[in-house]
Amino acid sequence: MSKLVSKITDSEVEVMRLLWEAKDSLPMADIRKALLQTSKWETSTIKTLLRRLCEKGVVQATKKEVYYYQPLVSEKEYNDYTTQSLIDRVYLGSAKNLVASLLGSKKLDNHDIEELRALFKVGDKNDE
């Protein structure tokens, strides 16, 4: 699965996000309509992106009266892979270094920090 996910480009992720949000397969017309609101892509570009995603094995096209597209990779699978890839490449596999970087760069506000503290306490055996 990770090999498939690693090949998804930024443009293809936009299409994937639309498919993930839909929760059901979508016909090309609905995909095109939704993407025209967020991008300036021509219909041929959208068709090319969908074809590539199908070739990569992360989207399935099913022929009914027209083609319907659905993701074969979940958003969670994609996010898990890309997060781990970032940690491996940039932080030498250390999630702690990622969190330290976020804290040091002031990217987290107090609310974010409190939420993280609560998440860390879930795994703390001293709270029992």
N, C-alpha and C. Protein backbone atom coordinates (compact mmCIF):
# COMPACT_ATOMS: atom_id res chain seq x y z
N MET A 1 0.83 -1.21 0.00
CA MET A 1 0.00 0.00 0.00
C MET A 1 0.86 1.26 0.00
N SER A 2 1.91 1.29 0.81
CA SER A 2 2.72 2.51 0.92
C SER A 2 3.36 2.86 -0.41
N LYS A 3 3.69 1.85 -1.21
CA LYS A 3 4.29 2.11 -2.51
C LYS A 3 3.29 2.84 -3.41
N LEU A 4 2.02 2.48 -3.31
CA LEU A 4 0.98 3.13 -4.10
C LEU A 4 0.79 4.57 -3.64
N VAL A 5 0.70 4.77 -2.34
CA VAL A 5 0.45 6.09 -1.77
C VAL A 5 1.59 7.04 -2.07
N SER A 6 2.81 6.53 -2.07
CA SER A 6 3.98 7.39 -2.28
C SER A 6 4.00 8.00 -3.67
N LYS A 7 3.26 7.44 -4.59
CA LYS A 7 3.26 7.92 -5.97
C LYS A 7 2.18 8.96 -6.26
N ILE A 8 1.36 9.31 -5.27
CA ILE A 8 0.28 10.27 -5.48
C ILE A 8 0.86 11.68 -5.47
N THR A 9 0.62 12.43 -6.55
CA THR A 9 1.12 13.81 -6.65
C THR A 9 0.19 14.77 -5.92
N ASP A 10 0.65 16.01 -5.73
CA ASP A 10 -0.17 17.02 -5.05
C ASP A 10 -1.49 17.26 -5.79
N SER A 11 -1.45 17.33 -7.10
CA SER A 11 -2.68 17.54 -7.88
C SER A 11 -3.63 16.36 -7.71
N GLU A 12 -3.07 15.17 -7.70
CA GLU A 12 -3.90 13.98 -7.53
C GLU A 12 -4.52 13.93 -6.13
N VAL A 13 -3.82 14.47 -5.15
CA VAL A 13 -4.37 14.51 -3.79
C VAL A 13 -5.64 15.35 -3.76
N GLU A 14 -5.69 16.43 -4.55
CA GLU A 14 -6.91 17.24 -4.61
C GLU A 14 -8.09 16.41 -5.07
N VAL A 15 -7.86 15.57 -6.07
CA VAL A 15 -8.92 14.69 -6.56
C VAL A 15 -9.28 13.66 -5.49
N MET A 16 -8.26 13.10 -4.86
CA MET A 16 -8.50 12.11 -3.81
C MET A 16 -9.32 12.71 -2.67
N ARG A 17 -9.00 13.92 -2.26
CA ARG A 17 -9.74 14.56 -1.15
C ARG A 17 -11.23 14.68 -1.50
N LEU A 18 -11.50 15.03 -2.73
CA LEU A 18 -12.89 15.11 -3.18
C LEU A 18 -13.57 13.75 -3.09
N LEU A 19 -12.88 12.71 -3.52
CA LEU A 19 -13.44 11.35 -3.46
C LEU A 19 -13.61 10.90 -2.02
N TRP A 20 -12.66 11.22 -1.15
CA TRP A 20 -12.79 10.85 0.27
C TRP A 20 -13.98 11.53 0.91
N GLU A 21 -14.17 12.81 0.61
CA GLU A 21 -15.28 13.57 1.19
C GLU A 21 -16.63 13.05 0.72
N ALA A 22 -16.68 12.52 -0.49
CA ALA A 22 -17.95 12.06 -1.07
C ALA A 22 -18.52 10.85 -0.35
N LYS A 23 -17.69 10.00 0.21
CA LYS A 23 -18.13 8.79 0.92
C LYS A 23 -18.83 7.79 0.01
N ASP A 24 -18.90 8.07 -1.27
CA ASP A 24 -19.51 7.18 -2.24
C ASP A 24 -18.85 7.44 -3.59
N SER A 25 -19.03 6.54 -4.52
CA SER A 25 -18.43 6.74 -5.84
C SER A 25 -19.11 7.93 -6.53
N LEU A 26 -18.31 8.63 -7.34
CA LEU A 26 -18.81 9.83 -8.03
C LEU A 26 -18.63 9.70 -9.54
N PRO A 27 -19.59 10.20 -10.30
CA PRO A 27 -19.42 10.24 -11.75
C PRO A 27 -18.51 11.41 -12.13
N MET A 28 -17.92 11.33 -13.30
CA MET A 28 -17.01 12.36 -13.78
C MET A 28 -17.64 13.75 -13.73
N ALA A 29 -18.91 13.86 -14.08
CA ALA A 29 -19.58 15.17 -14.11
C ALA A 29 -19.56 15.83 -12.73
N ASP A 30 -19.80 15.06 -11.67
CA ASP A 30 -19.78 15.61 -10.31
C ASP A 30 -18.37 15.99 -9.88
N ILE A 31 -17.40 15.17 -10.27
CA ILE A 31 -16.00 15.46 -9.95
C ILE A 31 -15.58 16.75 -10.63
N ARG A 32 -15.90 16.85 -11.92
CA ARG A 32 -15.54 18.05 -12.69
C ARG A 32 -16.19 19.29 -12.09
N LYS A 33 -17.47 19.21 -11.77
CA LYS A 33 -18.21 20.34 -11.20
C LYS A 33 -17.57 20.81 -9.89
N ALA A 34 -17.25 19.87 -9.02
CA ALA A 34 -16.64 20.22 -7.73
C ALA A 34 -15.25 20.82 -7.91
N LEU A 35 -14.46 20.24 -8.80
CA LEU A 35 -13.08 20.73 -8.98
C LEU A 35 -13.04 22.07 -9.71
N LEU A 36 -14.03 22.37 -10.51
CA LEU A 36 -14.06 23.67 -11.18
C LEU A 36 -14.22 24.81 -10.18
N GLN A 37 -14.79 24.52 -9.01
CA GLN A 37 -14.95 25.54 -7.97
C GLN A 37 -13.64 25.83 -7.25
N THR A 38 -12.72 24.87 -7.26
CA THR A 38 -11.47 25.05 -6.52
C THR A 38 -10.23 25.14 -7.39
N SER A 39 -10.36 24.83 -8.66
CA SER A 39 -9.21 24.87 -9.56
C SER A 39 -9.64 25.37 -10.94
N LYS A 40 -8.67 25.65 -11.74
CA LYS A 40 -8.93 26.12 -13.11
C LYS A 40 -8.65 25.00 -14.12
N TRP A 41 -8.71 23.76 -13.68
CA TRP A 41 -8.38 22.64 -14.54
C TRP A 41 -9.42 22.42 -15.62
N GLU A 42 -8.94 22.12 -16.79
CA GLU A 42 -9.80 21.72 -17.90
C GLU A 42 -10.30 20.29 -17.64
N THR A 43 -11.37 19.93 -18.30
CA THR A 43 -11.92 18.59 -18.16
C THR A 43 -10.88 17.54 -18.53
N SER A 44 -10.07 17.81 -19.56
CA SER A 44 -9.05 16.85 -19.98
C SER A 44 -8.01 16.62 -18.88
N THR A 45 -7.69 17.65 -18.12
CA THR A 45 -6.73 17.53 -17.02
C THR A 45 -7.32 16.64 -15.92
N ILE A 46 -8.58 16.85 -15.61
CA ILE A 46 -9.24 16.05 -14.57
C ILE A 46 -9.30 14.59 -15.01
N LYS A 47 -9.62 14.35 -16.27
CA LYS A 47 -9.67 12.98 -16.78
C LYS A 47 -8.28 12.33 -16.70
N THR A 48 -7.24 13.10 -17.01
CA THR A 48 -5.88 12.58 -16.94
C THR A 48 -5.51 12.22 -15.50
N LEU A 49 -5.87 13.09 -14.55
CA LEU A 49 -5.57 12.81 -13.15
C LEU A 49 -6.29 11.56 -12.68
N LEU A 50 -7.56 11.41 -13.05
CA LEU A 50 -8.32 10.21 -12.68
C LEU A 50 -7.73 8.96 -13.32
N ARG A 51 -7.33 9.06 -14.59
CA ARG A 51 -6.73 7.92 -15.28
C ARG A 51 -5.45 7.49 -14.57
N ARG A 52 -4.62 8.47 -14.19
CA ARG A 52 -3.36 8.16 -13.51
C ARG A 52 -3.62 7.52 -12.14
N LEU A 53 -4.61 8.04 -11.43
CA LEU A 53 -4.94 7.46 -10.12
C LEU A 53 -5.42 6.02 -10.27
N CYS A 54 -6.17 5.75 -11.32
CA CYS A 54 -6.62 4.37 -11.59
C CYS A 54 -5.42 3.48 -11.94
N GLU A 55 -4.51 3.99 -12.76
CA GLU A 55 -3.32 3.23 -13.14
C GLU A 55 -2.43 2.93 -11.93
N LYS A 56 -2.42 3.84 -10.97
CA LYS A 56 -1.61 3.64 -9.76
C LYS A 56 -2.28 2.71 -8.77
N GLY A 57 -3.53 2.37 -9.03
CA GLY A 57 -4.24 1.43 -8.17
C GLY A 57 -4.81 2.04 -6.90
N VAL A 58 -4.99 3.36 -6.88
CA VAL A 58 -5.54 4.00 -5.68
C VAL A 58 -6.98 4.47 -5.89
N VAL A 59 -7.45 4.42 -7.13
CA VAL A 59 -8.84 4.75 -7.47
C VAL A 59 -9.35 3.67 -8.40
N GLN A 60 -10.62 3.36 -8.24
CA GLN A 60 -11.26 2.38 -9.12
C GLN A 60 -12.34 3.07 -9.93
N ALA A 61 -12.37 2.79 -11.23
CA ALA A 61 -13.42 3.29 -12.11
C ALA A 61 -14.37 2.13 -12.41
N THR A 62 -15.65 2.38 -12.21
CA THR A 62 -16.67 1.37 -12.48
C THR A 62 -17.62 1.91 -13.53
N LYS A 63 -17.80 1.16 -14.59
CA LYS A 63 -18.67 1.58 -15.69
C LYS A 63 -20.11 1.22 -15.35
N LYS A 64 -20.95 2.24 -15.25
CA LYS A 64 -22.40 2.04 -15.12
C LYS A 64 -22.97 2.68 -16.39
N GLU A 65 -23.86 3.66 -16.26
CA GLU A 65 -24.26 4.41 -17.46
C GLU A 65 -23.09 5.32 -17.89
N VAL A 66 -22.30 5.76 -16.91
CA VAL A 66 -21.03 6.48 -17.12
C VAL A 66 -20.05 5.91 -16.10
N TYR A 67 -18.80 6.35 -16.18
CA TYR A 67 -17.82 5.88 -15.19
C TYR A 67 -18.03 6.56 -13.84
N TYR A 68 -17.96 5.76 -12.79
CA TYR A 68 -18.00 6.24 -11.41
C TYR A 68 -16.65 5.92 -10.78
N TYR A 69 -16.15 6.86 -9.99
CA TYR A 69 -14.82 6.73 -9.40
C TYR A 69 -14.93 6.66 -7.88
N GLN A 70 -14.12 5.76 -7.28
CA GLN A 70 -14.08 5.66 -5.83
C GLN A 70 -12.64 5.36 -5.40
N PRO A 71 -12.26 5.87 -4.25
CA PRO A 71 -10.89 5.63 -3.77
C PRO A 71 -10.72 4.21 -3.26
N LEU A 72 -9.55 3.65 -3.48
CA LEU A 72 -9.20 2.33 -2.94
C LEU A 72 -8.27 2.47 -1.74
N VAL A 73 -7.80 3.69 -1.51
CA VAL A 73 -6.94 4.01 -0.38
C VAL A 73 -7.70 5.03 0.47
N SER A 74 -7.78 4.78 1.76
CA SER A 74 -8.51 5.70 2.64
C SER A 74 -7.67 6.93 2.94
N GLU A 75 -8.35 7.98 3.37
CA GLU A 75 -7.65 9.21 3.75
C GLU A 75 -6.72 8.93 4.93
N LYS A 76 -7.16 8.09 5.86
CA LYS A 76 -6.32 7.74 7.01
C LYS A 76 -5.05 7.03 6.56
N GLU A 77 -5.18 6.08 5.64
CA GLU A 77 -3.99 5.38 5.12
C GLU A 77 -3.03 6.36 4.47
N TYR A 78 -3.57 7.28 3.68
CA TYR A 78 -2.73 8.27 3.02
C TYR A 78 -2.05 9.17 4.05
N ASN A 79 -2.82 9.68 5.02
CA ASN A 79 -2.25 10.58 6.03
C ASN A 79 -1.22 9.87 6.89
N ASP A 80 -1.50 8.63 7.29
CA ASP A 80 -0.54 7.86 8.09
C ASP A 80 0.77 7.69 7.33
N TYR A 81 0.67 7.32 6.06
CA TYR A 81 1.88 7.11 5.26
C TYR A 81 2.67 8.41 5.09
N THR A 82 1.99 9.49 4.73
CA THR A 82 2.71 10.74 4.48
C THR A 82 3.30 11.32 5.76
N THR A 83 2.61 11.14 6.88
CA THR A 83 3.16 11.60 8.17
C THR A 83 4.42 10.81 8.52
N GLN A 84 4.34 9.49 8.40
CA GLN A 84 5.52 8.67 8.71
C GLN A 84 6.66 8.98 7.76
N SER A 85 6.35 9.21 6.49
CA SER A 85 7.37 9.55 5.51
C SER A 85 8.06 10.86 5.87
N LEU A 86 7.27 11.86 6.28
CA LEU A 86 7.83 13.15 6.71
C LEU A 86 8.75 12.96 7.92
N ILE A 87 8.26 12.22 8.91
CA ILE A 87 9.06 11.98 10.12
C ILE A 87 10.37 11.26 9.76
N ASP A 88 10.28 10.27 8.88
CA ASP A 88 11.48 9.53 8.48
C ASP A 88 12.47 10.40 7.72
N ARG A 89 11.97 11.19 6.76
CA ARG A 89 12.86 11.98 5.91
C ARG A 89 13.43 13.20 6.62
N VAL A 90 12.58 13.94 7.33
CA VAL A 90 12.99 15.23 7.88
C VAL A 90 13.50 15.11 9.31
N TYR A 91 12.92 14.22 10.09
CA TYR A 91 13.24 14.14 11.52
C TYR A 91 13.93 12.82 11.88
N LEU A 92 14.52 12.16 10.89
CA LEU A 92 15.28 10.93 11.10
C LEU A 92 14.50 9.88 11.89
N GLY A 93 13.19 9.80 11.63
CA GLY A 93 12.35 8.80 12.26
C GLY A 93 11.88 9.15 13.66
N SER A 94 12.15 10.36 14.12
CA SER A 94 11.81 10.74 15.49
C SER A 94 10.57 11.64 15.52
N ALA A 95 9.45 11.09 15.99
CA ALA A 95 8.23 11.89 16.15
C ALA A 95 8.44 12.96 17.22
N LYS A 96 9.27 12.64 18.22
CA LYS A 96 9.59 13.61 19.27
C LYS A 96 10.23 14.87 18.67
N ASN A 97 11.13 14.68 17.72
CA ASN A 97 11.76 15.83 17.07
C ASN A 97 10.76 16.66 16.27
N LEU A 98 9.77 16.00 15.68
CA LEU A 98 8.72 16.72 14.97
C LEU A 98 7.94 17.60 15.94
N VAL A 99 7.51 17.03 17.06
CA VAL A 99 6.74 17.79 18.05
C VAL A 99 7.59 18.93 18.61
N ALA A 100 8.86 18.66 18.89
CA ALA A 100 9.76 19.70 19.39
C ALA A 100 9.90 20.83 18.38
N SER A 101 9.95 20.49 17.11
CA SER A 101 10.04 21.50 16.06
C SER A 101 8.79 22.36 16.01
N LEU A 102 7.63 21.73 16.13
CA LEU A 102 6.37 22.47 16.14
C LEU A 102 6.29 23.40 17.35
N LEU A 103 6.71 22.91 18.51
CA LEU A 103 6.70 23.73 19.71
C LEU A 103 7.68 24.90 19.58
N GLY A 104 8.86 24.60 19.05
CA GLY A 104 9.90 25.63 18.92
C GLY A 104 9.57 26.70 17.90
N SER A 105 8.79 26.34 16.89
CA SER A 105 8.47 27.31 15.83
C SER A 105 7.19 28.09 16.13
N LYS A 106 6.60 27.84 17.30
CA LYS A 106 5.38 28.54 17.74
C LYS A 106 4.20 28.29 16.79
N LYS A 107 4.17 27.10 16.17
CA LYS A 107 3.06 26.75 15.28
C LYS A 107 1.85 26.24 16.05
N LEU A 108 2.05 25.93 17.34
CA LEU A 108 0.95 25.42 18.16
C LEU A 108 0.53 26.50 19.16
N ASP A 109 -0.77 26.73 19.25
CA ASP A 109 -1.25 27.67 20.27
C ASP A 109 -1.52 26.90 21.56
N ASN A 110 -1.91 27.62 22.61
CA ASN A 110 -2.12 26.98 23.91
C ASN A 110 -3.19 25.89 23.85
N HIS A 111 -4.23 26.11 23.07
CA HIS A 111 -5.29 25.11 22.94
C HIS A 111 -4.74 23.83 22.31
N ASP A 112 -3.93 23.99 21.26
CA ASP A 112 -3.31 22.83 20.61
C ASP A 112 -2.44 22.05 21.60
N ILE A 113 -1.66 22.78 22.40
CA ILE A 113 -0.76 22.15 23.36
C ILE A 113 -1.56 21.38 24.41
N GLU A 114 -2.67 21.96 24.88
CA GLU A 114 -3.51 21.27 25.86
C GLU A 114 -4.11 20.00 25.26
N GLU A 115 -4.52 20.06 24.01
CA GLU A 115 -5.06 18.86 23.36
C GLU A 115 -3.99 17.78 23.26
N LEU A 116 -2.77 18.18 22.92
CA LEU A 116 -1.68 17.21 22.84
C LEU A 116 -1.38 16.61 24.21
N ARG A 117 -1.39 17.44 25.25
CA ARG A 117 -1.17 16.92 26.61
C ARG A 117 -2.21 15.86 26.94
N ALA A 118 -3.47 16.11 26.59
CA ALA A 118 -4.53 15.14 26.86
C ALA A 118 -4.28 13.84 26.09
N LEU A 119 -3.83 13.96 24.85
CA LEU A 119 -3.53 12.76 24.06
C LEU A 119 -2.39 11.97 24.68
N PHE A 120 -1.36 12.65 25.15
CA PHE A 120 -0.23 11.96 25.76
C PHE A 120 -0.64 11.27 27.06
N LYS A 121 -1.59 11.85 27.80
CA LYS A 121 -2.03 11.26 29.05
C LYS A 121 -2.78 9.95 28.84
N VAL A 122 -3.36 9.76 27.68
CA VAL A 122 -4.07 8.52 27.38
C VAL A 122 -3.13 7.33 27.53
N GLY A 123 -1.91 7.50 27.14
CA GLY A 123 -0.94 6.41 27.21
C GLY A 123 -0.16 6.38 28.51
N ASP A 124 -0.44 7.32 29.41
CA ASP A 124 0.28 7.41 30.68
C ASP A 124 -0.33 6.45 31.70
N LYS A 125 0.41 5.45 32.10
CA LYS A 125 -0.09 4.43 33.03
C LYS A 125 -0.20 4.95 34.44
N ASN A 126 0.41 6.11 34.74
CA ASN A 126 0.34 6.66 36.09
C ASN A 126 -1.02 7.26 36.39
N ASP A 127 -1.86 7.50 35.35
CA ASP A 127 -3.17 8.11 35.55
C ASP A 127 -4.21 7.10 36.03
N GLU A 128 -3.88 5.83 36.05
CA GLU A 128 -4.86 4.80 36.41
C GLU A 128 -5.16 4.78 37.87
